[in-house]
Amino acid sequence: QKVTKIGKDAFCDIVVKGWKIGKTAATISRTRDGYFFSYVNGWAK
């Protein structure tokens, strides 16, 4: 996918449980130059 979502929301592609985890904690974006990881939110960085 262009954007792979990581977080505790059930709609995320990679679900990580825990109250410190953001609903969408991070994303991995597919681009022409490769893959980029972005921190979005949540107490657990």
ModelCIF file with pLDDT and N, C-alpha, C, O atoms, coordinates in Angstrom:
data_MODEL
#
_entry.id   MODEL 
#
_entity.id                         1 
_entity.type                       polymer 
_entity.pdbx_number_of_molecules   1 
#
_entity_poly.entity_id                      1 
_entity_poly.type                           'polypeptide(L)' 
_entity_poly.nstd_linkage                   no 
_entity_poly.nstd_monomer                   no 
_entity_poly.pdbx_seq_one_letter_code       QKVTKIGKDAFCDIVVKGWKIGKTAATISRTRDGYFFSYVNGWAK 
_entity_poly.pdbx_seq_one_letter_code_can   QKVTKIGKDAFCDIVVKGWKIGKTAATISRTRDGYFFSYVNGWAK 
_entity_poly.pdbx_strand_id                 A 
#
loop_
_entity_poly_seq.entity_id 
_entity_poly_seq.num 
_entity_poly_seq.mon_id 
_entity_poly_seq.hetero 
1 1  GLN n 
1 2  LYS n 
1 3  VAL n 
1 4  THR n 
1 5  LYS n 
1 6  ILE n 
1 7  GLY n 
1 8  LYS n 
1 9  ASP n 
1 10 ALA n 
1 11 PHE n 
1 12 CYS n 
1 13 ASP n 
1 14 ILE n 
1 15 VAL n 
1 16 VAL n 
1 17 LYS n 
1 18 GLY n 
1 19 TRP n 
1 20 LYS n 
1 21 ILE n 
1 22 GLY n 
1 23 LYS n 
1 24 THR n 
1 25 ALA n 
1 26 ALA n 
1 27 THR n 
1 28 ILE n 
1 29 SER n 
1 30 ARG n 
1 31 THR n 
1 32 ARG n 
1 33 ASP n 
1 34 GLY n 
1 35 TYR n 
1 36 PHE n 
1 37 PHE n 
1 38 SER n 
1 39 TYR n 
1 40 VAL n 
1 41 ASN n 
1 42 GLY n 
1 43 TRP n 
1 44 ALA n 
1 45 LYS n 
#
_struct_asym.id          A 
_struct_asym.entity_id   1 
#
loop_
_ma_qa_metric.id 
_ma_qa_metric.mode 
_ma_qa_metric.name 
_ma_qa_metric.software_group_id 
_ma_qa_metric.type 
1 global pLDDT . pLDDT 
2 local  pLDDT . pLDDT 
#
_ma_qa_metric_global.metric_id      1 
_ma_qa_metric_global.metric_value   88.11 
_ma_qa_metric_global.model_id       1 
_ma_qa_metric_global.ordinal_id     1 
#
loop_
_ma_qa_metric_local.label_asym_id 
_ma_qa_metric_local.label_comp_id 
_ma_qa_metric_local.label_seq_id 
_ma_qa_metric_local.metric_id 
_ma_qa_metric_local.metric_value 
_ma_qa_metric_local.model_id 
_ma_qa_metric_local.ordinal_id 
A GLN 1  2 84.00 1 1  
A LYS 2  2 83.00 1 2  
A VAL 3  2 87.00 1 3  
A THR 4  2 90.00 1 4  
A LYS 5  2 90.00 1 5  
A ILE 6  2 92.00 1 6  
A GLY 7  2 90.00 1 7  
A LYS 8  2 89.00 1 8  
A ASP 9  2 86.00 1 9  
A ALA 10 2 83.00 1 10 
A PHE 11 2 82.00 1 11 
A CYS 12 2 87.00 1 12 
A ASP 13 2 89.00 1 13 
A ILE 14 2 92.00 1 14 
A VAL 15 2 92.00 1 15 
A VAL 16 2 92.00 1 16 
A LYS 17 2 90.00 1 17 
A GLY 18 2 89.00 1 18 
A TRP 19 2 88.00 1 19 
A LYS 20 2 90.00 1 20 
A ILE 21 2 91.00 1 21 
A GLY 22 2 87.00 1 22 
A LYS 23 2 87.00 1 23 
A THR 24 2 88.00 1 24 
A ALA 25 2 89.00 1 25 
A ALA 26 2 90.00 1 26 
A THR 27 2 90.00 1 27 
A ILE 28 2 91.00 1 28 
A SER 29 2 88.00 1 29 
A ARG 30 2 86.00 1 30 
A THR 31 2 83.00 1 31 
A ARG 32 2 81.00 1 32 
A ASP 33 2 82.00 1 33 
A GLY 34 2 88.00 1 34 
A TYR 35 2 91.00 1 35 
A PHE 36 2 91.00 1 36 
A PHE 37 2 92.00 1 37 
A SER 38 2 89.00 1 38 
A TYR 39 2 90.00 1 39 
A VAL 40 2 86.00 1 40 
A ASN 41 2 85.00 1 41 
A GLY 42 2 86.00 1 42 
A TRP 43 2 90.00 1 43 
A ALA 44 2 89.00 1 44 
A LYS 45 2 90.00 1 45 
#
loop_
_atom_site.group_PDB 
_atom_site.id 
_atom_site.type_symbol 
_atom_site.label_atom_id 
_atom_site.label_alt_id 
_atom_site.label_comp_id 
_atom_site.label_asym_id 
_atom_site.label_entity_id 
_atom_site.label_seq_id 
_atom_site.pdbx_PDB_ins_code 
_atom_site.Cartn_x 
_atom_site.Cartn_y 
_atom_site.Cartn_z 
_atom_site.occupancy 
_atom_site.B_iso_or_equiv 
_atom_site.pdbx_formal_charge 
_atom_site.auth_seq_id 
_atom_site.auth_comp_id 
_atom_site.auth_asym_id 
_atom_site.auth_atom_id 
_atom_site.pdbx_PDB_model_num 
ATOM 1   N N  . GLN A 1 1  ? 0.823  -1.201 0.000  1.00 84.00 ? 1  GLN A N  1 
ATOM 2   C CA . GLN A 1 1  ? 0.000  0.000  0.000  1.00 84.00 ? 1  GLN A CA 1 
ATOM 3   C C  . GLN A 1 1  ? 0.861  1.257  0.000  1.00 84.00 ? 1  GLN A C  1 
ATOM 4   O O  . GLN A 1 1  ? 2.029  1.229  0.388  1.00 84.00 ? 1  GLN A O  1 
ATOM 5   N N  . LYS A 1 2  ? 0.263  2.355  -0.442 1.00 83.00 ? 2  LYS A N  1 
ATOM 6   C CA . LYS A 1 2  ? 0.976  3.625  -0.372 1.00 83.00 ? 2  LYS A CA 1 
ATOM 7   C C  . LYS A 1 2  ? 1.234  4.030  1.070  1.00 83.00 ? 2  LYS A C  1 
ATOM 8   O O  . LYS A 1 2  ? 2.267  4.623  1.382  1.00 83.00 ? 2  LYS A O  1 
ATOM 9   N N  . VAL A 1 3  ? 0.280  3.703  1.955  1.00 87.00 ? 3  VAL A N  1 
ATOM 10  C CA . VAL A 1 3  ? 0.430  4.035  3.369  1.00 87.00 ? 3  VAL A CA 1 
ATOM 11  C C  . VAL A 1 3  ? 0.051  2.814  4.198  1.00 87.00 ? 3  VAL A C  1 
ATOM 12  O O  . VAL A 1 3  ? -1.072 2.320  4.099  1.00 87.00 ? 3  VAL A O  1 
ATOM 13  N N  . THR A 1 4  ? 0.974  2.327  5.009  1.00 90.00 ? 4  THR A N  1 
ATOM 14  C CA . THR A 1 4  ? 0.704  1.244  5.955  1.00 90.00 ? 4  THR A CA 1 
ATOM 15  C C  . THR A 1 4  ? 0.609  1.860  7.340  1.00 90.00 ? 4  THR A C  1 
ATOM 16  O O  . THR A 1 4  ? 1.524  2.559  7.777  1.00 90.00 ? 4  THR A O  1 
ATOM 17  N N  . LYS A 1 5  ? -0.493 1.606  8.032  1.00 90.00 ? 5  LYS A N  1 
ATOM 18  C CA . LYS A 1 5  ? -0.757 2.260  9.316  1.00 90.00 ? 5  LYS A CA 1 
ATOM 19  C C  . LYS A 1 5  ? -0.485 1.292  10.468 1.00 90.00 ? 5  LYS A C  1 
ATOM 20  O O  . LYS A 1 5  ? -0.822 0.109  10.412 1.00 90.00 ? 5  LYS A O  1 
ATOM 21  N N  . ILE A 1 6  ? 0.138  1.842  11.514 1.00 92.00 ? 6  ILE A N  1 
ATOM 22  C CA . ILE A 1 6  ? 0.473  1.075  12.710 1.00 92.00 ? 6  ILE A CA 1 
ATOM 23  C C  . ILE A 1 6  ? -0.162 1.774  13.905 1.00 92.00 ? 6  ILE A C  1 
ATOM 24  O O  . ILE A 1 6  ? 0.027  2.978  14.078 1.00 92.00 ? 6  ILE A O  1 
ATOM 25  N N  . GLY A 1 7  ? -0.912 1.048  14.737 1.00 90.00 ? 7  GLY A N  1 
ATOM 26  C CA . GLY A 1 7  ? -1.543 1.660  15.909 1.00 90.00 ? 7  GLY A CA 1 
ATOM 27  C C  . GLY A 1 7  ? -2.548 0.724  16.539 1.00 90.00 ? 7  GLY A C  1 
ATOM 28  O O  . GLY A 1 7  ? -2.676 -0.432 16.133 1.00 90.00 ? 7  GLY A O  1 
ATOM 29  N N  . LYS A 1 8  ? -3.268 1.229  17.543 1.00 89.00 ? 8  LYS A N  1 
ATOM 30  C CA . LYS A 1 8  ? -4.209 0.368  18.265 1.00 89.00 ? 8  LYS A CA 1 
ATOM 31  C C  . LYS A 1 8  ? -5.599 0.360  17.649 1.00 89.00 ? 8  LYS A C  1 
ATOM 32  O O  . LYS A 1 8  ? -6.434 -0.452 18.047 1.00 89.00 ? 8  LYS A O  1 
ATOM 33  N N  . ASP A 1 9  ? -5.875 1.244  16.682 1.00 86.00 ? 9  ASP A N  1 
ATOM 34  C CA . ASP A 1 9  ? -7.161 1.230  15.988 1.00 86.00 ? 9  ASP A CA 1 
ATOM 35  C C  . ASP A 1 9  ? -7.290 -0.079 15.209 1.00 86.00 ? 9  ASP A C  1 
ATOM 36  O O  . ASP A 1 9  ? -6.341 -0.524 14.562 1.00 86.00 ? 9  ASP A O  1 
ATOM 37  N N  . ALA A 1 10 ? -8.476 -0.690 15.278 1.00 83.00 ? 10 ALA A N  1 
ATOM 38  C CA . ALA A 1 10 ? -8.697 -1.969 14.597 1.00 83.00 ? 10 ALA A CA 1 
ATOM 39  C C  . ALA A 1 10 ? -8.544 -1.851 13.089 1.00 83.00 ? 10 ALA A C  1 
ATOM 40  O O  . ALA A 1 10 ? -8.319 -2.859 12.419 1.00 83.00 ? 10 ALA A O  1 
ATOM 41  N N  . PHE A 1 11 ? -8.660 -0.632 12.528 1.00 82.00 ? 11 PHE A N  1 
ATOM 42  C CA . PHE A 1 11 ? -8.527 -0.424 11.099 1.00 82.00 ? 11 PHE A CA 1 
ATOM 43  C C  . PHE A 1 11 ? -7.063 -0.327 10.655 1.00 82.00 ? 11 PHE A C  1 
ATOM 44  O O  . PHE A 1 11 ? -6.784 -0.286 9.456  1.00 82.00 ? 11 PHE A O  1 
ATOM 45  N N  . CYS A 1 12 ? -6.132 -0.291 11.606 1.00 87.00 ? 12 CYS A N  1 
ATOM 46  C CA . CYS A 1 12 ? -4.717 -0.218 11.238 1.00 87.00 ? 12 CYS A CA 1 
ATOM 47  C C  . CYS A 1 12 ? -4.262 -1.533 10.595 1.00 87.00 ? 12 CYS A C  1 
ATOM 48  O O  . CYS A 1 12 ? -4.821 -2.595 10.868 1.00 87.00 ? 12 CYS A O  1 
ATOM 49  N N  . ASP A 1 13 ? -3.253 -1.445 9.750  1.00 89.00 ? 13 ASP A N  1 
ATOM 50  C CA . ASP A 1 13 ? -2.715 -2.634 9.090  1.00 89.00 ? 13 ASP A CA 1 
ATOM 51  C C  . ASP A 1 13 ? -1.902 -3.485 10.055 1.00 89.00 ? 13 ASP A C  1 
ATOM 52  O O  . ASP A 1 13 ? -1.918 -4.714 9.975  1.00 89.00 ? 13 ASP A O  1 
ATOM 53  N N  . ILE A 1 14 ? -1.193 -2.829 10.963 1.00 92.00 ? 14 ILE A N  1 
ATOM 54  C CA . ILE A 1 14 ? -0.467 -3.525 12.028 1.00 92.00 ? 14 ILE A CA 1 
ATOM 55  C C  . ILE A 1 14 ? -1.017 -3.008 13.355 1.00 92.00 ? 14 ILE A C  1 
ATOM 56  O O  . ILE A 1 14 ? -0.801 -1.850 13.713 1.00 92.00 ? 14 ILE A O  1 
ATOM 57  N N  . VAL A 1 15 ? -1.724 -3.864 14.077 1.00 92.00 ? 15 VAL A N  1 
ATOM 58  C CA . VAL A 1 15 ? -2.384 -3.446 15.317 1.00 92.00 ? 15 VAL A CA 1 
ATOM 59  C C  . VAL A 1 15 ? -1.456 -3.714 16.498 1.00 92.00 ? 15 VAL A C  1 
ATOM 60  O O  . VAL A 1 15 ? -0.972 -4.829 16.688 1.00 92.00 ? 15 VAL A O  1 
ATOM 61  N N  . VAL A 1 16 ? -1.218 -2.663 17.287 1.00 92.00 ? 16 VAL A N  1 
ATOM 62  C CA . VAL A 1 16 ? -0.383 -2.744 18.487 1.00 92.00 ? 16 VAL A CA 1 
ATOM 63  C C  . VAL A 1 16 ? -1.238 -2.335 19.675 1.00 92.00 ? 16 VAL A C  1 
ATOM 64  O O  . VAL A 1 16 ? -1.752 -1.217 19.707 1.00 92.00 ? 16 VAL A O  1 
ATOM 65  N N  . LYS A 1 17 ? -1.398 -3.208 20.639 1.00 90.00 ? 17 LYS A N  1 
ATOM 66  C CA . LYS A 1 17 ? -2.254 -2.928 21.782 1.00 90.00 ? 17 LYS A CA 1 
ATOM 67  C C  . LYS A 1 17 ? -1.490 -2.212 22.890 1.00 90.00 ? 17 LYS A C  1 
ATOM 68  O O  . LYS A 1 17 ? -0.267 -2.308 22.989 1.00 90.00 ? 17 LYS A O  1 
ATOM 69  N N  . GLY A 1 18 ? -2.252 -1.483 23.728 1.00 89.00 ? 18 GLY A N  1 
ATOM 70  C CA . GLY A 1 18 ? -1.645 -0.765 24.847 1.00 89.00 ? 18 GLY A CA 1 
ATOM 71  C C  . GLY A 1 18 ? -2.205 0.644  24.950 1.00 89.00 ? 18 GLY A C  1 
ATOM 72  O O  . GLY A 1 18 ? -2.402 1.308  23.932 1.00 89.00 ? 18 GLY A O  1 
ATOM 73  N N  . TRP A 1 19 ? -2.463 1.109  26.171 1.00 88.00 ? 19 TRP A N  1 
ATOM 74  C CA . TRP A 1 19 ? -3.097 2.420  26.334 1.00 88.00 ? 19 TRP A CA 1 
ATOM 75  C C  . TRP A 1 19 ? -2.170 3.567  25.927 1.00 88.00 ? 19 TRP A C  1 
ATOM 76  O O  . TRP A 1 19 ? -2.646 4.663  25.630 1.00 88.00 ? 19 TRP A O  1 
ATOM 77  N N  . LYS A 1 20 ? -0.860 3.333  25.910 1.00 90.00 ? 20 LYS A N  1 
ATOM 78  C CA . LYS A 1 20 ? 0.080  4.377  25.500 1.00 90.00 ? 20 LYS A CA 1 
ATOM 79  C C  . LYS A 1 20 ? 0.236  4.486  23.984 1.00 90.00 ? 20 LYS A C  1 
ATOM 80  O O  . LYS A 1 20 ? 0.875  5.413  23.486 1.00 90.00 ? 20 LYS A O  1 
ATOM 81  N N  . ILE A 1 21 ? -0.349 3.538  23.253 1.00 91.00 ? 21 ILE A N  1 
ATOM 82  C CA . ILE A 1 21 ? -0.209 3.505  21.802 1.00 91.00 ? 21 ILE A CA 1 
ATOM 83  C C  . ILE A 1 21 ? -1.287 4.375  21.159 1.00 91.00 ? 21 ILE A C  1 
ATOM 84  O O  . ILE A 1 21 ? -2.455 4.279  21.538 1.00 91.00 ? 21 ILE A O  1 
ATOM 85  N N  . GLY A 1 22 ? -0.923 5.217  20.200 1.00 87.00 ? 22 GLY A N  1 
ATOM 86  C CA . GLY A 1 22 ? -1.897 6.058  19.513 1.00 87.00 ? 22 GLY A CA 1 
ATOM 87  C C  . GLY A 1 22 ? -2.797 5.249  18.605 1.00 87.00 ? 22 GLY A C  1 
ATOM 88  O O  . GLY A 1 22 ? -2.433 4.155  18.173 1.00 87.00 ? 22 GLY A O  1 
ATOM 89  N N  . LYS A 1 23 ? -3.990 5.791  18.309 1.00 87.00 ? 23 LYS A N  1 
ATOM 90  C CA . LYS A 1 23 ? -4.898 5.104  17.387 1.00 87.00 ? 23 LYS A CA 1 
ATOM 91  C C  . LYS A 1 23 ? -4.194 4.840  16.064 1.00 87.00 ? 23 LYS A C  1 
ATOM 92  O O  . LYS A 1 23 ? -4.239 3.729  15.537 1.00 87.00 ? 23 LYS A O  1 
ATOM 93  N N  . THR A 1 24 ? -3.546 5.869  15.533 1.00 88.00 ? 24 THR A N  1 
ATOM 94  C CA . THR A 1 24 ? -2.593 5.676  14.438 1.00 88.00 ? 24 THR A CA 1 
ATOM 95  C C  . THR A 1 24 ? -1.263 6.176  14.971 1.00 88.00 ? 24 THR A C  1 
ATOM 96  O O  . THR A 1 24 ? -0.976 7.373  14.930 1.00 88.00 ? 24 THR A O  1 
ATOM 97  N N  . ALA A 1 25 ? -0.454 5.256  15.470 1.00 89.00 ? 25 ALA A N  1 
ATOM 98  C CA . ALA A 1 25 ? 0.790  5.640  16.132 1.00 89.00 ? 25 ALA A CA 1 
ATOM 99  C C  . ALA A 1 25 ? 1.864  6.036  15.135 1.00 89.00 ? 25 ALA A C  1 
ATOM 100 O O  . ALA A 1 25 ? 2.672  6.927  15.399 1.00 89.00 ? 25 ALA A O  1 
ATOM 101 N N  . ALA A 1 26 ? 1.869  5.366  13.983 1.00 90.00 ? 26 ALA A N  1 
ATOM 102 C CA . ALA A 1 26 ? 2.907  5.626  12.984 1.00 90.00 ? 26 ALA A CA 1 
ATOM 103 C C  . ALA A 1 26 ? 2.433  5.132  11.624 1.00 90.00 ? 26 ALA A C  1 
ATOM 104 O O  . ALA A 1 26 ? 1.473  4.368  11.523 1.00 90.00 ? 26 ALA A O  1 
ATOM 105 N N  . THR A 1 27 ? 3.117  5.577  10.591 1.00 90.00 ? 27 THR A N  1 
ATOM 106 C CA . THR A 1 27 ? 2.816  5.120  9.239  1.00 90.00 ? 27 THR A CA 1 
ATOM 107 C C  . THR A 1 27 ? 4.115  4.799  8.510  1.00 90.00 ? 27 THR A C  1 
ATOM 108 O O  . THR A 1 27 ? 5.176  5.338  8.826  1.00 90.00 ? 27 THR A O  1 
ATOM 109 N N  . ILE A 1 28 ? 4.008  3.914  7.536  1.00 91.00 ? 28 ILE A N  1 
ATOM 110 C CA . ILE A 1 28 ? 5.112  3.645  6.611  1.00 91.00 ? 28 ILE A CA 1 
ATOM 111 C C  . ILE A 1 28 ? 4.601  3.970  5.220  1.00 91.00 ? 28 ILE A C  1 
ATOM 112 O O  . ILE A 1 28 ? 3.659  3.339  4.742  1.00 91.00 ? 28 ILE A O  1 
ATOM 113 N N  . SER A 1 29 ? 5.213  4.948  4.563  1.00 88.00 ? 29 SER A N  1 
ATOM 114 C CA . SER A 1 29 ? 4.759  5.411  3.254  1.00 88.00 ? 29 SER A CA 1 
ATOM 115 C C  . SER A 1 29 ? 5.658  4.868  2.154  1.00 88.00 ? 29 SER A C  1 
ATOM 116 O O  . SER A 1 29 ? 6.883  4.932  2.250  1.00 88.00 ? 29 SER A O  1 
ATOM 117 N N  . ARG A 1 30 ? 5.040  4.333  1.110  1.00 86.00 ? 30 ARG A N  1 
ATOM 118 C CA . ARG A 1 30 ? 5.773  3.836  -0.058 1.00 86.00 ? 30 ARG A CA 1 
ATOM 119 C C  . ARG A 1 30 ? 5.907  4.962  -1.072 1.00 86.00 ? 30 ARG A C  1 
ATOM 120 O O  . ARG A 1 30 ? 4.899  5.509  -1.518 1.00 86.00 ? 30 ARG A O  1 
ATOM 121 N N  . THR A 1 31 ? 7.125  5.317  -1.443 1.00 83.00 ? 31 THR A N  1 
ATOM 122 C CA . THR A 1 31 ? 7.370  6.417  -2.372 1.00 83.00 ? 31 THR A CA 1 
ATOM 123 C C  . THR A 1 31 ? 8.337  5.960  -3.461 1.00 83.00 ? 31 THR A C  1 
ATOM 124 O O  . THR A 1 31 ? 8.842  4.838  -3.433 1.00 83.00 ? 31 THR A O  1 
ATOM 125 N N  . ARG A 1 32 ? 8.581  6.839  -4.404 1.00 81.00 ? 32 ARG A N  1 
ATOM 126 C CA . ARG A 1 32 ? 9.545  6.538  -5.470 1.00 81.00 ? 32 ARG A CA 1 
ATOM 127 C C  . ARG A 1 32 ? 10.953 6.334  -4.913 1.00 81.00 ? 32 ARG A C  1 
ATOM 128 O O  . ARG A 1 32 ? 11.761 5.607  -5.490 1.00 81.00 ? 32 ARG A O  1 
ATOM 129 N N  . ASP A 1 33 ? 11.236 6.985  -3.783 1.00 82.00 ? 33 ASP A N  1 
ATOM 130 C CA . ASP A 1 33 ? 12.577 6.916  -3.210 1.00 82.00 ? 33 ASP A CA 1 
ATOM 131 C C  . ASP A 1 33 ? 12.725 5.836  -2.151 1.00 82.00 ? 33 ASP A C  1 
ATOM 132 O O  . ASP A 1 33 ? 13.773 5.738  -1.511 1.00 82.00 ? 33 ASP A O  1 
ATOM 133 N N  . GLY A 1 34 ? 11.689 5.020  -1.954 1.00 88.00 ? 34 GLY A N  1 
ATOM 134 C CA . GLY A 1 34 ? 11.760 3.971  -0.953 1.00 88.00 ? 34 GLY A CA 1 
ATOM 135 C C  . GLY A 1 34 ? 10.638 4.093  0.054  1.00 88.00 ? 34 GLY A C  1 
ATOM 136 O O  . GLY A 1 34 ? 9.563  4.606  -0.256 1.00 88.00 ? 34 GLY A O  1 
ATOM 137 N N  . TYR A 1 35 ? 10.893 3.622  1.255  1.00 91.00 ? 35 TYR A N  1 
ATOM 138 C CA . TYR A 1 35 ? 9.888  3.613  2.323  1.00 91.00 ? 35 TYR A CA 1 
ATOM 139 C C  . TYR A 1 35 ? 10.285 4.574  3.426  1.00 91.00 ? 35 TYR A C  1 
ATOM 140 O O  . TYR A 1 35 ? 11.445 4.625  3.835  1.00 91.00 ? 35 TYR A O  1 
ATOM 141 N N  . PHE A 1 36 ? 9.293  5.351  3.915  1.00 91.00 ? 36 PHE A N  1 
ATOM 142 C CA . PHE A 1 36 ? 9.541  6.349  4.954  1.00 91.00 ? 36 PHE A CA 1 
ATOM 143 C C  . PHE A 1 36 ? 8.650  6.068  6.158  1.00 91.00 ? 36 PHE A C  1 
ATOM 144 O O  . PHE A 1 36 ? 7.446  5.858  6.015  1.00 91.00 ? 36 PHE A O  1 
ATOM 145 N N  . PHE A 1 37 ? 9.251  6.067  7.344  1.00 92.00 ? 37 PHE A N  1 
ATOM 146 C CA . PHE A 1 37 ? 8.543  5.850  8.601  1.00 92.00 ? 37 PHE A CA 1 
ATOM 147 C C  . PHE A 1 37 ? 8.224  7.197  9.225  1.00 92.00 ? 37 PHE A C  1 
ATOM 148 O O  . PHE A 1 37 ? 9.096  8.061  9.319  1.00 92.00 ? 37 PHE A O  1 
ATOM 149 N N  . SER A 1 38 ? 6.962  7.388  9.660  1.00 89.00 ? 38 SER A N  1 
ATOM 150 C CA . SER A 1 38 ? 6.549  8.648  10.304 1.00 89.00 ? 38 SER A CA 1 
ATOM 151 C C  . SER A 1 38 ? 5.860  8.345  11.627 1.00 89.00 ? 38 SER A C  1 
ATOM 152 O O  . SER A 1 38 ? 4.912  7.560  11.665 1.00 89.00 ? 38 SER A O  1 
ATOM 153 N N  . TYR A 1 39 ? 6.323  8.954  12.705 1.00 90.00 ? 39 TYR A N  1 
ATOM 154 C CA . TYR A 1 39 ? 5.634  8.898  14.000 1.00 90.00 ? 39 TYR A CA 1 
ATOM 155 C C  . TYR A 1 39 ? 4.470  9.884  13.954 1.00 90.00 ? 39 TYR A C  1 
ATOM 156 O O  . TYR A 1 39 ? 4.643  11.038 13.562 1.00 90.00 ? 39 TYR A O  1 
ATOM 157 N N  . VAL A 1 40 ? 3.281  9.424  14.356 1.00 86.00 ? 40 VAL A N  1 
ATOM 158 C CA . VAL A 1 40 ? 2.085  10.268 14.288 1.00 86.00 ? 40 VAL A CA 1 
ATOM 159 C C  . VAL A 1 40 ? 1.685  10.766 15.670 1.00 86.00 ? 40 VAL A C  1 
ATOM 160 O O  . VAL A 1 40 ? 1.701  11.971 15.919 1.00 86.00 ? 40 VAL A O  1 
ATOM 161 N N  . ASN A 1 41 ? 1.322  9.845  16.581 1.00 85.00 ? 41 ASN A N  1 
ATOM 162 C CA . ASN A 1 41 ? 0.956  10.277 17.930 1.00 85.00 ? 41 ASN A CA 1 
ATOM 163 C C  . ASN A 1 41 ? 0.990  9.094  18.894 1.00 85.00 ? 41 ASN A C  1 
ATOM 164 O O  . ASN A 1 41 ? 1.260  7.958  18.503 1.00 85.00 ? 41 ASN A O  1 
ATOM 165 N N  . GLY A 1 42 ? 0.706  9.392  20.176 1.00 86.00 ? 42 GLY A N  1 
ATOM 166 C CA . GLY A 1 42 ? 0.723  8.375  21.216 1.00 86.00 ? 42 GLY A CA 1 
ATOM 167 C C  . GLY A 1 42 ? 1.843  8.619  22.211 1.00 86.00 ? 42 GLY A C  1 
ATOM 168 O O  . GLY A 1 42 ? 2.871  9.213  21.884 1.00 86.00 ? 42 GLY A O  1 
ATOM 169 N N  . TRP A 1 43 ? 1.623  8.146  23.443 1.00 90.00 ? 43 TRP A N  1 
ATOM 170 C CA . TRP A 1 43 ? 2.620  8.335  24.501 1.00 90.00 ? 43 TRP A CA 1 
ATOM 171 C C  . TRP A 1 43 ? 3.849  7.470  24.261 1.00 90.00 ? 43 TRP A C  1 
ATOM 172 O O  . TRP A 1 43 ? 4.968  7.863  24.591 1.00 90.00 ? 43 TRP A O  1 
ATOM 173 N N  . ALA A 1 44 ? 3.634  6.291  23.683 1.00 89.00 ? 44 ALA A N  1 
ATOM 174 C CA . ALA A 1 44 ? 4.760  5.391  23.416 1.00 89.00 ? 44 ALA A CA 1 
ATOM 175 C C  . ALA A 1 44 ? 5.417  5.776  22.093 1.00 89.00 ? 44 ALA A C  1 
ATOM 176 O O  . ALA A 1 44 ? 4.905  5.456  21.020 1.00 89.00 ? 44 ALA A O  1 
ATOM 177 N N  . LYS A 1 45 ? 6.539  6.455  22.179 1.00 90.00 ? 45 LYS A N  1 
ATOM 178 C CA . LYS A 1 45 ? 7.216  6.897  20.955 1.00 90.00 ? 45 LYS A CA 1 
ATOM 179 C C  . LYS A 1 45 ? 8.006  5.748  20.339 1.00 90.00 ? 45 LYS A C  1 
ATOM 180 O O  . LYS A 1 45 ? 8.645  5.924  19.302 1.00 90.00 ? 45 LYS A O  1 
#
